[in-house]
Structure formats: structure tokens, C-alpha cells
């Protein structure tokens, strides 16, 4: 199992250029960052964590800007979004941004996507909450076309454009891995339909989650596919990660605090020790 880290980067946290080398200097495989374009002040949609919305949610850096900065000061670690709220992003613009980032990072980018949970946030982008999964699927499919086709077109209910030229193309072909976040009842069907990997969150019923991971792997094998599983908010416990690995998880992301260097550095050391304990990959020289 590979071990990476995830963080909510903000204007108050450690900066990306400082963080990137700190991750790469340790036996960690990847760094994922999250996003919210904004947070509506109304707060009518309750935070899924069941408590007050953390301060950092309203202060996130743009993930693609942050990852681009990290790409320039690292050479090895994988860089991903955990997750990009693609229902709030134009697919034509996002295809160019992500392809550019993949080239800048020399093929190290992964596009983690999700439908989101904040009704008002989506509404401010003109997206109906009840149709978010259809919007997400079409935008993923359209971006894949833009990544791969010299003359790309897409005709769907929510995304519709005639043939266009869109360069650059990503280094990774036919494109960066698409990692779908979410824990809903239909998520496995969505992963199998249009993603390369699943990114569930480790919370709640852990036995049930391991069962779903095993089910996904079985269904993927039956379809002649390999589906990766990245466990977000992974437990800081080697025995628990061993159980997840047996179920089919191939990457665990532990959460770093959204703080300064003095907060992040001890957490990185702890993550490095965990990676070494469970056989995580060491940096290549």
C-alpha cells in the first residue's frame, strides 16, 4: 500500500512551495489538496461532519494553482485533487488547466473529482443539486475527450459543444487518472462507468466500507478492469490499514492539519513513520 497525505491549503496555512519538498523528502507517495470555490454565508446546508464548519473551508487556495506551485519544486510525488468539485467548473477550461498541470508536473497529476454536498454553493454556480451526478459524469466524459481527441466534441444534456481544438494534451495518455470521491449508494456504479479509481472516506461503518471495496474489486475483475482505491482520511493505524489493504485499497491518504510549519511537520513525520511501518515506498534518488 502506498501512503500519501491530504491537506486543505489556505491563505493561513503552510504555503505550497514549502510543503511540497517537505512531503517529497519523506517516504510518502503523494500529496492531495481539496477545494471549495467559496462558502455561502447562509450556512443552510449542514456540514456533513456533524459540527461547525471548519474555518479553512472558506479559505482554500485554488487547487490547480497550488499544485502547479508544488509541481515546480518537486520531482517524484504524485499530485492530486481530493477532490475537485467539477460540477462547479467549466469542462473546457478545466481540461486545459489539468492538461497543463500534467505537463508541468511531467505526468504526475491525478484528477480527483466529486459532486459536492453544499446545496447553496452549487446553486451559485447554476447547478441543480438533484442533477449534480449527471453534470459530474458528463463533465468527466467531456474532459476525457478534450484530453485525447485532436478534434474533440461532446453532446450531452449538460455539456454540449461541436468539434474544437484544445491543447496542450496531457503527458499521461489518454489522460490523468480520474479518481471519483463519494460514499453514496450508487457510487460503485459511477466508478465503474466513468472513473479509474474510487476515493471513499474512512468514517462511519469501517466493516461496511471494506465490504464495498472488496465488492468493487470483484466487479472490476469481472469486467476485465483494474480499479484503484484511494482511502481518504485514512486511519493513523497500521493494523487498520493492513485490513484495508487486504480489502483492495492501494493508497491511503492521511490528513494533515491546515496549519503552519510547526503543525504540519510533526504530522508529516508521523505519516512517514506509518508509511515505513506498512511498507510504503521510499523516495527514489
Protein backbone atom coordinates (compact mmCIF):
# COMPACT_ATOMS: atom_id res chain seq x y z
CA UNK A 1 0.00 0.00 0.00
CA UNK A 2 1.21 3.48 -0.88
CA UNK A 3 0.85 6.21 1.73
CA UNK A 4 0.24 9.83 0.88
CA UNK A 5 -1.09 12.93 2.58
CA UNK A 6 -4.04 15.25 2.06
CA UNK A 7 -4.42 18.82 3.23
CA UNK A 8 -6.73 21.81 2.96
CA UNK A 9 -4.33 24.56 1.87
CA UNK A 10 -5.41 28.08 2.73
CA UNK A 11 -4.09 31.62 2.95
CA UNK A 12 -3.46 30.91 6.65
CA UNK A 13 -1.75 27.52 6.35
CA UNK A 14 1.68 26.35 5.28
CA UNK A 15 2.38 27.55 1.75
CA UNK A 16 2.52 25.07 -1.17
CA UNK A 17 6.15 25.76 -2.11
CA UNK A 18 7.26 24.99 1.45
CA UNK A 19 5.03 21.94 1.79
CA UNK A 20 5.93 20.15 -1.44
CA UNK A 21 9.62 19.45 -0.67
CA UNK A 22 8.74 18.51 2.92
CA UNK A 23 6.47 15.75 1.59
CA UNK A 24 8.95 14.63 -1.04
CA UNK A 25 11.81 14.36 1.47
CA UNK A 26 9.86 11.66 3.31
CA UNK A 27 8.81 8.13 2.22
CA UNK A 28 5.42 9.41 1.06
CA UNK A 29 3.93 8.73 -2.35
CA UNK A 30 1.51 11.57 -2.97
CA UNK A 31 0.01 14.89 -1.95
CA UNK A 32 -3.67 15.71 -2.50
CA UNK A 33 -5.37 19.07 -1.92
CA UNK A 34 -9.04 19.95 -1.72
CA UNK A 35 -11.19 22.85 -2.89
CA UNK A 36 -14.23 24.97 -2.34
CA UNK A 37 -14.71 27.90 -4.69
CA UNK A 38 -16.49 29.72 -1.86
CA UNK A 39 -18.77 29.04 1.11
CA UNK A 40 -22.19 30.73 1.24
CA UNK A 41 -22.63 32.75 4.42
CA UNK A 42 -26.19 31.45 4.88
CA UNK A 43 -24.90 28.04 6.01
CA UNK A 44 -28.31 26.48 5.36
CA UNK A 45 -26.69 23.23 4.24
CA UNK A 46 -25.35 21.49 7.35
CA UNK A 47 -21.72 20.40 7.40
CA UNK A 48 -21.61 16.59 6.87
CA UNK A 49 -19.07 16.28 9.67
CA UNK A 50 -21.87 16.99 12.13
CA UNK A 51 -20.22 20.00 13.78
CA UNK A 52 -19.39 23.60 12.98
CA UNK A 53 -17.90 24.04 9.53
CA UNK A 54 -14.11 24.26 9.91
CA UNK A 55 -12.69 27.72 9.25
CA UNK A 56 -10.40 26.53 6.46
CA UNK A 57 -13.29 25.54 4.17
CA UNK A 58 -13.95 29.18 3.28
CA UNK A 59 -10.26 29.99 2.76
CA UNK A 60 -8.98 27.28 0.40
CA UNK A 61 -6.40 28.07 -2.24
CA UNK A 62 -7.32 27.18 -5.79
CA UNK A 63 -6.14 23.56 -6.05
CA UNK A 64 -4.69 23.80 -9.54
CA UNK A 65 -2.71 26.94 -8.73
CA UNK A 66 -1.42 25.31 -5.53
CA UNK A 67 -0.50 22.05 -7.28
CA UNK A 68 1.24 23.94 -10.07
CA UNK A 69 3.41 25.66 -7.48
CA UNK A 70 4.16 22.31 -5.83
CA UNK A 71 4.99 20.72 -9.19
CA UNK A 72 7.77 23.25 -9.76
CA UNK A 73 9.58 22.31 -6.51
CA UNK A 74 9.11 18.52 -6.59
CA UNK A 75 10.04 15.73 -8.99
CA UNK A 76 8.65 12.48 -7.61
CA UNK A 77 5.42 12.65 -5.63
CA UNK A 78 2.04 12.22 -7.30
CA UNK A 79 -0.14 15.34 -7.15
CA UNK A 80 -3.91 15.22 -6.96
CA UNK A 81 -7.16 16.92 -6.09
CA UNK A 82 -9.06 15.44 -3.20
CA UNK A 83 -11.48 16.48 -4.51
CA UNK A 84 -12.07 18.97 -7.29
CA UNK A 85 -15.74 20.00 -7.29
CA UNK A 86 -16.08 19.52 -11.01
CA UNK A 87 -19.79 20.35 -11.02
CA UNK A 88 -18.66 23.92 -10.26
CA UNK A 89 -16.09 24.13 -13.07
CA UNK A 90 -16.37 24.67 -16.80
CA UNK A 91 -15.16 21.47 -18.55
CA UNK A 92 -13.40 23.25 -21.43
CA UNK A 93 -11.38 25.40 -19.05
CA UNK A 94 -10.75 22.50 -16.66
CA UNK A 95 -9.49 20.26 -19.46
CA UNK A 96 -6.86 22.86 -20.37
CA UNK A 97 -5.88 23.56 -16.77
CA UNK A 98 -5.47 19.88 -15.90
CA UNK A 99 -3.59 19.04 -19.10
CA UNK A 100 -1.28 21.98 -18.46
CA UNK A 101 -0.69 20.80 -14.88
CA UNK A 102 0.03 17.26 -16.06
CA UNK A 103 2.66 18.60 -18.44
CA UNK A 104 4.14 20.93 -15.84
CA UNK A 105 4.43 18.04 -13.38
CA UNK A 106 5.83 15.67 -16.06
CA UNK A 107 2.86 13.31 -15.83
CA UNK A 108 2.31 13.22 -12.05
CA UNK A 109 -1.22 14.62 -11.83
CA UNK A 110 -4.42 12.79 -10.80
CA UNK A 111 -7.87 14.36 -11.11
CA UNK A 112 -9.89 13.52 -8.03
CA UNK A 113 -13.48 14.67 -8.52
CA UNK A 114 -16.66 14.80 -6.51
CA UNK A 115 -20.22 16.05 -6.77
CA UNK A 116 -20.13 18.01 -3.52
CA UNK A 117 -22.57 18.44 -0.64
CA UNK A 118 -23.30 22.16 -0.30
CA UNK A 119 -26.60 22.99 -1.99
CA UNK A 120 -26.15 26.78 -1.97
CA UNK A 121 -22.57 26.59 -3.20
CA UNK A 122 -23.69 24.65 -6.27
CA UNK A 123 -26.68 26.91 -6.82
CA UNK A 124 -24.33 29.89 -7.06
CA UNK A 125 -22.71 28.08 -10.00
CA UNK A 126 -26.10 27.42 -11.61
CA UNK A 127 -26.12 23.70 -10.78
CA UNK A 128 -29.25 21.96 -9.53
CA UNK A 129 -28.29 19.80 -6.55
CA UNK A 130 -30.58 16.99 -7.69
CA UNK A 131 -28.81 16.79 -11.06
CA UNK A 132 -25.24 17.03 -9.80
CA UNK A 133 -24.27 13.45 -10.59
CA UNK A 134 -25.39 13.75 -14.19
CA UNK A 135 -23.47 17.01 -14.50
CA UNK A 136 -20.38 15.38 -12.99
CA UNK A 137 -20.45 12.39 -15.33
CA UNK A 138 -20.85 14.50 -18.46
CA UNK A 139 -18.06 16.87 -17.46
CA UNK A 140 -15.68 13.96 -16.79
CA UNK A 141 -16.56 12.40 -20.14
CA UNK A 142 -16.15 15.71 -21.97
CA UNK A 143 -12.78 16.40 -20.35
CA UNK A 144 -11.55 12.95 -21.37
CA UNK A 145 -12.48 13.76 -24.97
CA UNK A 146 -10.65 17.07 -24.78
CA UNK A 147 -7.58 15.34 -23.35
CA UNK A 148 -7.43 12.68 -26.04
CA UNK A 149 -9.03 13.85 -29.31
CA UNK A 150 -7.40 16.27 -31.75
CA UNK A 151 -10.88 17.45 -32.69
CA UNK A 152 -13.00 16.91 -29.62
CA UNK A 153 -16.78 17.16 -29.39
CA UNK A 154 -19.39 16.20 -26.82
CA UNK A 155 -23.16 16.25 -26.92
CA UNK A 156 -24.92 15.63 -23.64
CA UNK A 157 -27.72 17.09 -21.57
CA UNK A 158 -25.48 19.39 -19.54
CA UNK A 159 -22.35 19.64 -21.71
CA UNK A 160 -22.67 20.32 -25.43
CA UNK A 161 -20.06 21.50 -27.91
CA UNK A 162 -19.18 20.84 -31.54
CA UNK A 163 -15.62 19.87 -32.60
CA UNK A 164 -12.93 22.05 -31.01
CA UNK A 165 -9.15 22.21 -30.87
CA UNK A 166 -7.84 22.07 -27.32
CA UNK A 167 -4.15 21.87 -26.50
CA UNK A 168 -1.96 21.06 -24.68
CA UNK A 169 -2.70 17.38 -24.28
CA UNK A 170 -1.62 15.66 -21.05
CA UNK A 171 1.62 13.70 -20.88
CA UNK A 172 -0.27 10.76 -19.40
CA UNK A 173 -2.27 9.16 -22.18
CA UNK A 174 -5.13 9.02 -22.75
CA UNK A 175 -5.15 11.31 -19.72
CA UNK A 176 -4.51 11.58 -15.98
CA UNK A 177 -6.33 9.05 -13.78
CA UNK A 178 -9.82 10.16 -12.77
CA UNK A 179 -10.47 9.30 -9.12
CA UNK A 180 -14.11 9.54 -8.05
CA UNK A 181 -14.88 10.53 -4.48
CA UNK A 182 -18.11 9.77 -2.66
CA UNK A 183 -19.84 7.24 -0.45
CA UNK A 184 -23.42 7.18 -1.76
CA UNK A 185 -25.41 4.06 -2.62
CA UNK A 186 -24.70 4.32 -6.38
CA UNK A 187 -21.03 5.27 -6.17
CA UNK A 188 -19.67 1.88 -7.27
CA UNK A 189 -21.75 2.00 -10.45
CA UNK A 190 -20.43 5.50 -11.15
CA UNK A 191 -16.82 4.46 -10.57
CA UNK A 192 -17.17 1.51 -12.91
CA UNK A 193 -18.87 3.67 -15.54
CA UNK A 194 -16.52 6.63 -15.86
CA UNK A 195 -13.62 6.60 -13.37
CA UNK A 196 -10.28 4.89 -12.94
CA UNK A 197 -10.33 4.72 -9.16
CA UNK A 198 -12.54 5.26 -6.13
CA UNK A 199 -11.78 7.62 -3.25
CA UNK A 200 -14.02 6.79 -0.28
CA UNK A 201 -13.63 8.48 3.08
CA UNK A 202 -12.72 6.35 6.08
CA UNK A 203 -15.50 7.19 8.51
CA UNK A 204 -18.54 5.54 10.00
CA UNK A 205 -19.01 1.80 9.44
CA UNK A 206 -15.50 0.56 8.60
CA UNK A 207 -16.58 -3.06 8.10
CA UNK A 208 -19.20 -1.95 5.58
CA UNK A 209 -16.65 0.19 3.75
CA UNK A 210 -14.21 -2.71 3.46
CA UNK A 211 -17.03 -4.86 2.10
CA UNK A 212 -17.82 -2.25 -0.55
CA UNK A 213 -14.16 -2.00 -1.53
CA UNK A 214 -13.98 -5.77 -1.93
CA UNK A 215 -17.21 -5.70 -3.96
CA UNK A 216 -15.78 -3.06 -6.28
CA UNK A 217 -12.65 -5.10 -6.87
CA UNK A 218 -14.70 -8.20 -7.65
CA UNK A 219 -16.91 -6.32 -10.11
CA UNK A 220 -13.89 -4.71 -11.73
CA UNK A 221 -12.20 -8.07 -12.26
CA UNK A 222 -15.41 -9.46 -13.77
CA UNK A 223 -15.42 -6.51 -16.20
CA UNK A 224 -11.77 -7.10 -17.09
CA UNK A 225 -10.68 -3.85 -15.45
CA UNK A 226 -8.40 -2.75 -12.67
CA UNK A 227 -9.89 -0.10 -10.39
CA UNK A 228 -7.64 1.60 -7.85
CA UNK A 229 -8.87 2.58 -4.39
CA UNK A 230 -7.51 5.63 -2.58
CA UNK A 231 -8.68 5.80 1.03
CA UNK A 232 -9.20 9.42 2.08
CA UNK A 233 -8.92 10.44 5.74
CA UNK A 234 -7.21 7.11 6.37
CA UNK A 235 -6.69 5.97 9.97
CA UNK A 236 -3.31 6.57 11.59
CA UNK A 237 -3.10 2.90 12.47
CA UNK A 238 -1.02 0.27 10.68
CA UNK A 239 -3.28 -2.64 11.66
CA UNK A 240 -6.35 -0.86 10.32
CA UNK A 241 -4.54 -0.06 7.08
CA UNK A 242 -3.48 -3.71 6.74
CA UNK A 243 -7.17 -4.67 6.84
CA UNK A 244 -7.98 -2.08 4.19
CA UNK A 245 -5.14 -3.31 2.01
CA UNK A 246 -6.49 -6.86 2.17
CA UNK A 247 -9.86 -5.49 1.04
CA UNK A 248 -8.29 -3.83 -2.01
CA UNK A 249 -7.06 -0.35 -1.01
CA UNK A 250 -3.81 0.50 -2.79
CA UNK A 251 -3.31 4.05 -1.45
CA UNK A 252 -4.05 5.62 1.93
CA UNK A 253 -4.20 9.39 2.39
CA UNK A 254 -3.82 10.63 5.96
CA UNK A 255 -4.95 14.16 6.75
CA UNK A 256 -2.51 16.89 7.65
CA UNK A 257 -3.66 19.83 9.77
CA UNK A 258 -4.35 23.10 7.94
CA UNK A 259 -1.75 24.89 10.00
CA UNK A 260 1.73 26.31 9.79
CA UNK A 261 5.05 24.50 9.55
CA UNK A 262 5.11 23.80 13.29
CA UNK A 263 1.78 21.98 12.98
CA UNK A 264 2.40 20.21 9.69
CA UNK A 265 5.96 18.98 10.21
CA UNK A 266 5.19 16.64 13.15
CA UNK A 267 2.21 15.23 11.24
CA UNK A 268 4.45 14.58 8.23
CA UNK A 269 6.94 12.75 10.46
CA UNK A 270 4.11 10.65 11.83
CA UNK A 271 2.88 9.90 8.30
CA UNK A 272 6.41 8.93 7.25
CA UNK A 273 6.72 6.53 10.17
CA UNK A 274 3.38 4.99 9.24
CA UNK A 275 4.48 4.58 5.62
CA UNK A 276 7.68 2.85 6.69
CA UNK A 277 5.82 0.58 9.07
CA UNK A 278 3.42 -0.73 6.44
CA UNK A 279 6.00 -0.91 3.68
CA UNK A 280 5.33 2.43 1.96
CA UNK A 281 7.57 3.36 -0.94
CA UNK A 282 10.70 5.36 -0.16
CA UNK A 283 11.75 8.28 -2.30
CA UNK A 284 13.81 7.41 -5.36
CA UNK A 285 17.22 9.02 -5.55
